[in-house]
Amino acid sequence: MFLEIITPDAKVFEGEVDAVKVPSISGEFEVLNNHAAIVSALGTGTVRVADKSGKHFFNIDSGVIEVLKNKVVILAESVSQQ
């Protein structure tokens, strides 16, 4: 699936991934290939991304996630990479 992590200032990440784990406002959840369509508010926490090159971690300060047809878009207030 394809993932974009975007802030008001820049596109932080873009690429094909195997899994994305996010901190929603009601707890963590993971998105895999062929996930059902969803829009959810995100809380402050760590986004964990797994792709062919390994794992990547991004700290976010709230935002929104949209999943539709194997495309995941995370709009975050701010992002710092670990």
N, C-alpha and C. Protein backbone atom coordinates (compact mmCIF):
# COMPACT_ATOMS: atom_id res chain seq x y z
N MET A 1 0.84 -1.18 0.00
CA MET A 1 0.00 0.00 0.00
C MET A 1 0.89 1.24 0.00
N PHE A 2 0.31 2.35 -0.35
CA PHE A 2 1.07 3.59 -0.49
C PHE A 2 0.76 4.51 0.68
N LEU A 3 1.80 5.08 1.29
CA LEU A 3 1.65 5.94 2.47
C LEU A 3 2.23 7.32 2.19
N GLU A 4 1.50 8.35 2.63
CA GLU A 4 2.01 9.72 2.66
C GLU A 4 1.81 10.26 4.07
N ILE A 5 2.85 10.87 4.62
CA ILE A 5 2.75 11.59 5.89
C ILE A 5 3.04 13.05 5.57
N ILE A 6 2.05 13.91 5.85
CA ILE A 6 2.13 15.31 5.44
C ILE A 6 1.87 16.22 6.63
N THR A 7 2.64 17.30 6.71
CA THR A 7 2.40 18.36 7.69
C THR A 7 2.03 19.63 6.92
N PRO A 8 1.62 20.69 7.61
CA PRO A 8 1.34 21.93 6.89
C PRO A 8 2.56 22.49 6.15
N ASP A 9 3.76 22.09 6.58
CA ASP A 9 4.99 22.63 5.99
C ASP A 9 5.63 21.77 4.91
N ALA A 10 5.44 20.44 5.00
CA ALA A 10 6.19 19.56 4.09
C ALA A 10 5.60 18.16 4.03
N LYS A 11 5.99 17.43 2.98
CA LYS A 11 5.70 16.00 2.91
C LYS A 11 6.86 15.29 3.59
N VAL A 12 6.57 14.59 4.68
CA VAL A 12 7.60 13.98 5.51
C VAL A 12 7.99 12.59 5.02
N PHE A 13 7.02 11.84 4.51
CA PHE A 13 7.29 10.48 4.04
C PHE A 13 6.35 10.18 2.89
N GLU A 14 6.87 9.41 1.92
CA GLU A 14 6.07 8.97 0.78
C GLU A 14 6.66 7.68 0.27
N GLY A 15 5.84 6.63 0.15
CA GLY A 15 6.35 5.39 -0.40
C GLY A 15 5.48 4.19 -0.12
N GLU A 16 5.88 3.07 -0.71
CA GLU A 16 5.18 1.80 -0.52
C GLU A 16 5.57 1.22 0.84
N VAL A 17 4.57 0.75 1.60
CA VAL A 17 4.80 0.18 2.92
C VAL A 17 4.01 -1.11 3.08
N ASP A 18 4.40 -1.90 4.09
CA ASP A 18 3.70 -3.15 4.39
C ASP A 18 2.68 -2.97 5.52
N ALA A 19 2.98 -2.07 6.47
CA ALA A 19 2.10 -1.87 7.62
C ALA A 19 2.33 -0.49 8.22
N VAL A 20 1.26 0.07 8.82
CA VAL A 20 1.34 1.36 9.50
C VAL A 20 0.56 1.23 10.80
N LYS A 21 1.19 1.55 11.92
CA LYS A 21 0.52 1.55 13.22
C LYS A 21 0.45 2.99 13.70
N VAL A 22 -0.77 3.45 14.07
CA VAL A 22 -0.98 4.85 14.42
C VAL A 22 -1.64 4.99 15.79
N PRO A 23 -1.41 6.14 16.44
CA PRO A 23 -2.05 6.42 17.73
C PRO A 23 -3.36 7.20 17.54
N SER A 24 -4.47 6.49 17.44
CA SER A 24 -5.74 7.21 17.30
C SER A 24 -6.14 7.77 18.66
N ILE A 25 -7.16 8.60 18.69
CA ILE A 25 -7.58 9.19 19.96
C ILE A 25 -8.24 8.16 20.88
N SER A 26 -8.62 7.00 20.33
CA SER A 26 -9.22 5.95 21.17
C SER A 26 -8.35 4.70 21.27
N GLY A 27 -7.07 4.82 20.96
CA GLY A 27 -6.13 3.70 21.06
C GLY A 27 -5.42 3.44 19.74
N GLU A 28 -4.38 2.64 19.81
CA GLU A 28 -3.60 2.34 18.60
C GLU A 28 -4.35 1.38 17.69
N PHE A 29 -4.12 1.52 16.39
CA PHE A 29 -4.58 0.51 15.45
C PHE A 29 -3.59 0.42 14.30
N GLU A 30 -3.63 -0.73 13.62
CA GLU A 30 -2.69 -1.01 12.54
C GLU A 30 -3.44 -1.12 11.22
N VAL A 31 -2.83 -0.60 10.17
CA VAL A 31 -3.39 -0.66 8.83
C VAL A 31 -2.50 -1.57 7.99
N LEU A 32 -3.12 -2.57 7.36
CA LEU A 32 -2.43 -3.49 6.47
C LEU A 32 -3.06 -3.39 5.08
N ASN A 33 -2.49 -4.09 4.11
CA ASN A 33 -3.05 -4.10 2.76
C ASN A 33 -4.52 -4.47 2.79
N ASN A 34 -5.30 -3.86 1.92
CA ASN A 34 -6.73 -4.12 1.78
C ASN A 34 -7.54 -3.80 3.02
N HIS A 35 -7.08 -2.85 3.82
CA HIS A 35 -7.82 -2.40 5.00
C HIS A 35 -9.10 -1.71 4.54
N ALA A 36 -10.14 -1.82 5.34
CA ALA A 36 -11.39 -1.13 5.04
C ALA A 36 -11.16 0.38 5.03
N ALA A 37 -11.96 1.09 4.27
CA ALA A 37 -11.88 2.55 4.22
C ALA A 37 -12.19 3.11 5.60
N ILE A 38 -11.40 4.12 6.01
CA ILE A 38 -11.59 4.71 7.33
C ILE A 38 -11.02 6.11 7.35
N VAL A 39 -11.63 6.96 8.15
CA VAL A 39 -11.08 8.27 8.49
C VAL A 39 -11.14 8.34 10.00
N SER A 40 -10.01 8.70 10.63
CA SER A 40 -9.95 8.71 12.09
C SER A 40 -9.06 9.85 12.58
N ALA A 41 -9.42 10.40 13.73
CA ALA A 41 -8.59 11.42 14.37
C ALA A 41 -7.42 10.73 15.06
N LEU A 42 -6.25 11.35 15.00
CA LEU A 42 -5.06 10.81 15.64
C LEU A 42 -4.69 11.66 16.84
N GLY A 43 -4.15 11.00 17.85
CA GLY A 43 -3.66 11.70 19.02
C GLY A 43 -2.15 11.88 18.92
N THR A 44 -1.56 12.40 19.96
CA THR A 44 -0.11 12.54 20.03
C THR A 44 0.50 11.17 20.30
N GLY A 45 1.56 10.83 19.56
CA GLY A 45 2.20 9.53 19.75
C GLY A 45 3.12 9.20 18.60
N THR A 46 3.42 7.91 18.48
CA THR A 46 4.37 7.43 17.48
C THR A 46 3.66 6.68 16.37
N VAL A 47 3.97 7.05 15.13
CA VAL A 47 3.52 6.30 13.95
C VAL A 47 4.66 5.34 13.61
N ARG A 48 4.33 4.05 13.51
CA ARG A 48 5.31 3.03 13.18
C ARG A 48 5.03 2.53 11.77
N VAL A 49 6.05 2.60 10.92
CA VAL A 49 5.92 2.22 9.52
C VAL A 49 6.88 1.08 9.22
N ALA A 50 6.37 0.01 8.61
CA ALA A 50 7.22 -1.11 8.19
C ALA A 50 7.21 -1.18 6.67
N ASP A 51 8.41 -1.19 6.09
CA ASP A 51 8.54 -1.36 4.64
C ASP A 51 9.68 -2.32 4.36
N LYS A 52 10.02 -2.50 3.10
CA LYS A 52 11.05 -3.48 2.73
C LYS A 52 12.42 -3.15 3.31
N SER A 53 12.69 -1.87 3.58
CA SER A 53 13.99 -1.49 4.12
C SER A 53 14.06 -1.53 5.64
N GLY A 54 12.94 -1.81 6.30
CA GLY A 54 12.94 -1.89 7.75
C GLY A 54 11.79 -1.13 8.38
N LYS A 55 12.03 -0.63 9.59
CA LYS A 55 10.99 0.09 10.32
C LYS A 55 11.39 1.55 10.49
N HIS A 56 10.38 2.41 10.42
CA HIS A 56 10.59 3.85 10.59
C HIS A 56 9.62 4.33 11.66
N PHE A 57 10.04 5.31 12.46
CA PHE A 57 9.23 5.82 13.54
C PHE A 57 9.11 7.34 13.42
N PHE A 58 7.89 7.85 13.53
CA PHE A 58 7.62 9.28 13.44
C PHE A 58 6.78 9.70 14.64
N ASN A 59 7.21 10.71 15.37
CA ASN A 59 6.42 11.26 16.47
C ASN A 59 5.52 12.33 15.90
N ILE A 60 4.21 12.23 16.19
CA ILE A 60 3.27 13.23 15.68
C ILE A 60 2.54 13.92 16.83
N ASP A 61 2.10 15.13 16.56
CA ASP A 61 1.27 15.89 17.49
C ASP A 61 -0.11 16.03 16.88
N SER A 62 -0.92 15.05 17.04
CA SER A 62 -2.31 14.98 16.56
C SER A 62 -2.41 15.10 15.05
N GLY A 63 -3.56 14.70 14.52
CA GLY A 63 -3.78 14.77 13.09
C GLY A 63 -4.96 13.92 12.68
N VAL A 64 -4.96 13.52 11.42
CA VAL A 64 -6.04 12.73 10.84
C VAL A 64 -5.43 11.68 9.92
N ILE A 65 -6.03 10.49 9.89
CA ILE A 65 -5.60 9.45 8.95
C ILE A 65 -6.78 9.11 8.05
N GLU A 66 -6.49 8.92 6.77
CA GLU A 66 -7.49 8.46 5.81
C GLU A 66 -6.93 7.24 5.10
N VAL A 67 -7.72 6.17 5.06
CA VAL A 67 -7.34 4.95 4.36
C VAL A 67 -8.40 4.69 3.30
N LEU A 68 -7.98 4.55 2.04
CA LEU A 68 -8.91 4.30 0.95
C LEU A 68 -8.18 3.60 -0.18
N LYS A 69 -8.62 2.41 -0.53
CA LYS A 69 -8.09 1.65 -1.67
C LYS A 69 -6.57 1.53 -1.63
N ASN A 70 -6.05 1.05 -0.51
CA ASN A 70 -4.62 0.82 -0.32
C ASN A 70 -3.77 2.08 -0.41
N LYS A 71 -4.39 3.23 -0.15
CA LYS A 71 -3.63 4.48 -0.01
C LYS A 71 -3.93 5.04 1.37
N VAL A 72 -2.87 5.35 2.10
CA VAL A 72 -2.98 5.87 3.47
C VAL A 72 -2.38 7.27 3.46
N VAL A 73 -3.16 8.23 3.95
CA VAL A 73 -2.69 9.60 4.07
C VAL A 73 -2.80 10.01 5.53
N ILE A 74 -1.69 10.45 6.11
CA ILE A 74 -1.67 10.96 7.46
C ILE A 74 -1.38 12.45 7.38
N LEU A 75 -2.33 13.26 7.84
CA LEU A 75 -2.14 14.70 7.94
C LEU A 75 -1.88 15.02 9.40
N ALA A 76 -0.68 15.49 9.72
CA ALA A 76 -0.28 15.72 11.11
C ALA A 76 0.05 17.18 11.34
N GLU A 77 -0.22 17.65 12.55
CA GLU A 77 0.13 19.02 12.93
C GLU A 77 1.63 19.24 12.85
N SER A 78 2.39 18.31 13.42
CA SER A 78 3.86 18.35 13.32
C SER A 78 4.39 16.93 13.43
N VAL A 79 5.59 16.71 12.86
CA VAL A 79 6.20 15.39 12.84
C VAL A 79 7.69 15.53 13.12
N SER A 80 8.21 14.64 13.95
CA SER A 80 9.65 14.51 14.11
C SER A 80 10.00 13.05 13.95
N GLN A 81 11.07 12.77 13.22
CA GLN A 81 11.47 11.39 12.98
C GLN A 81 12.44 10.94 14.04
N GLN A 82 12.26 9.69 14.50
CA GLN A 82 13.16 9.15 15.52
C GLN A 82 14.38 8.56 14.87
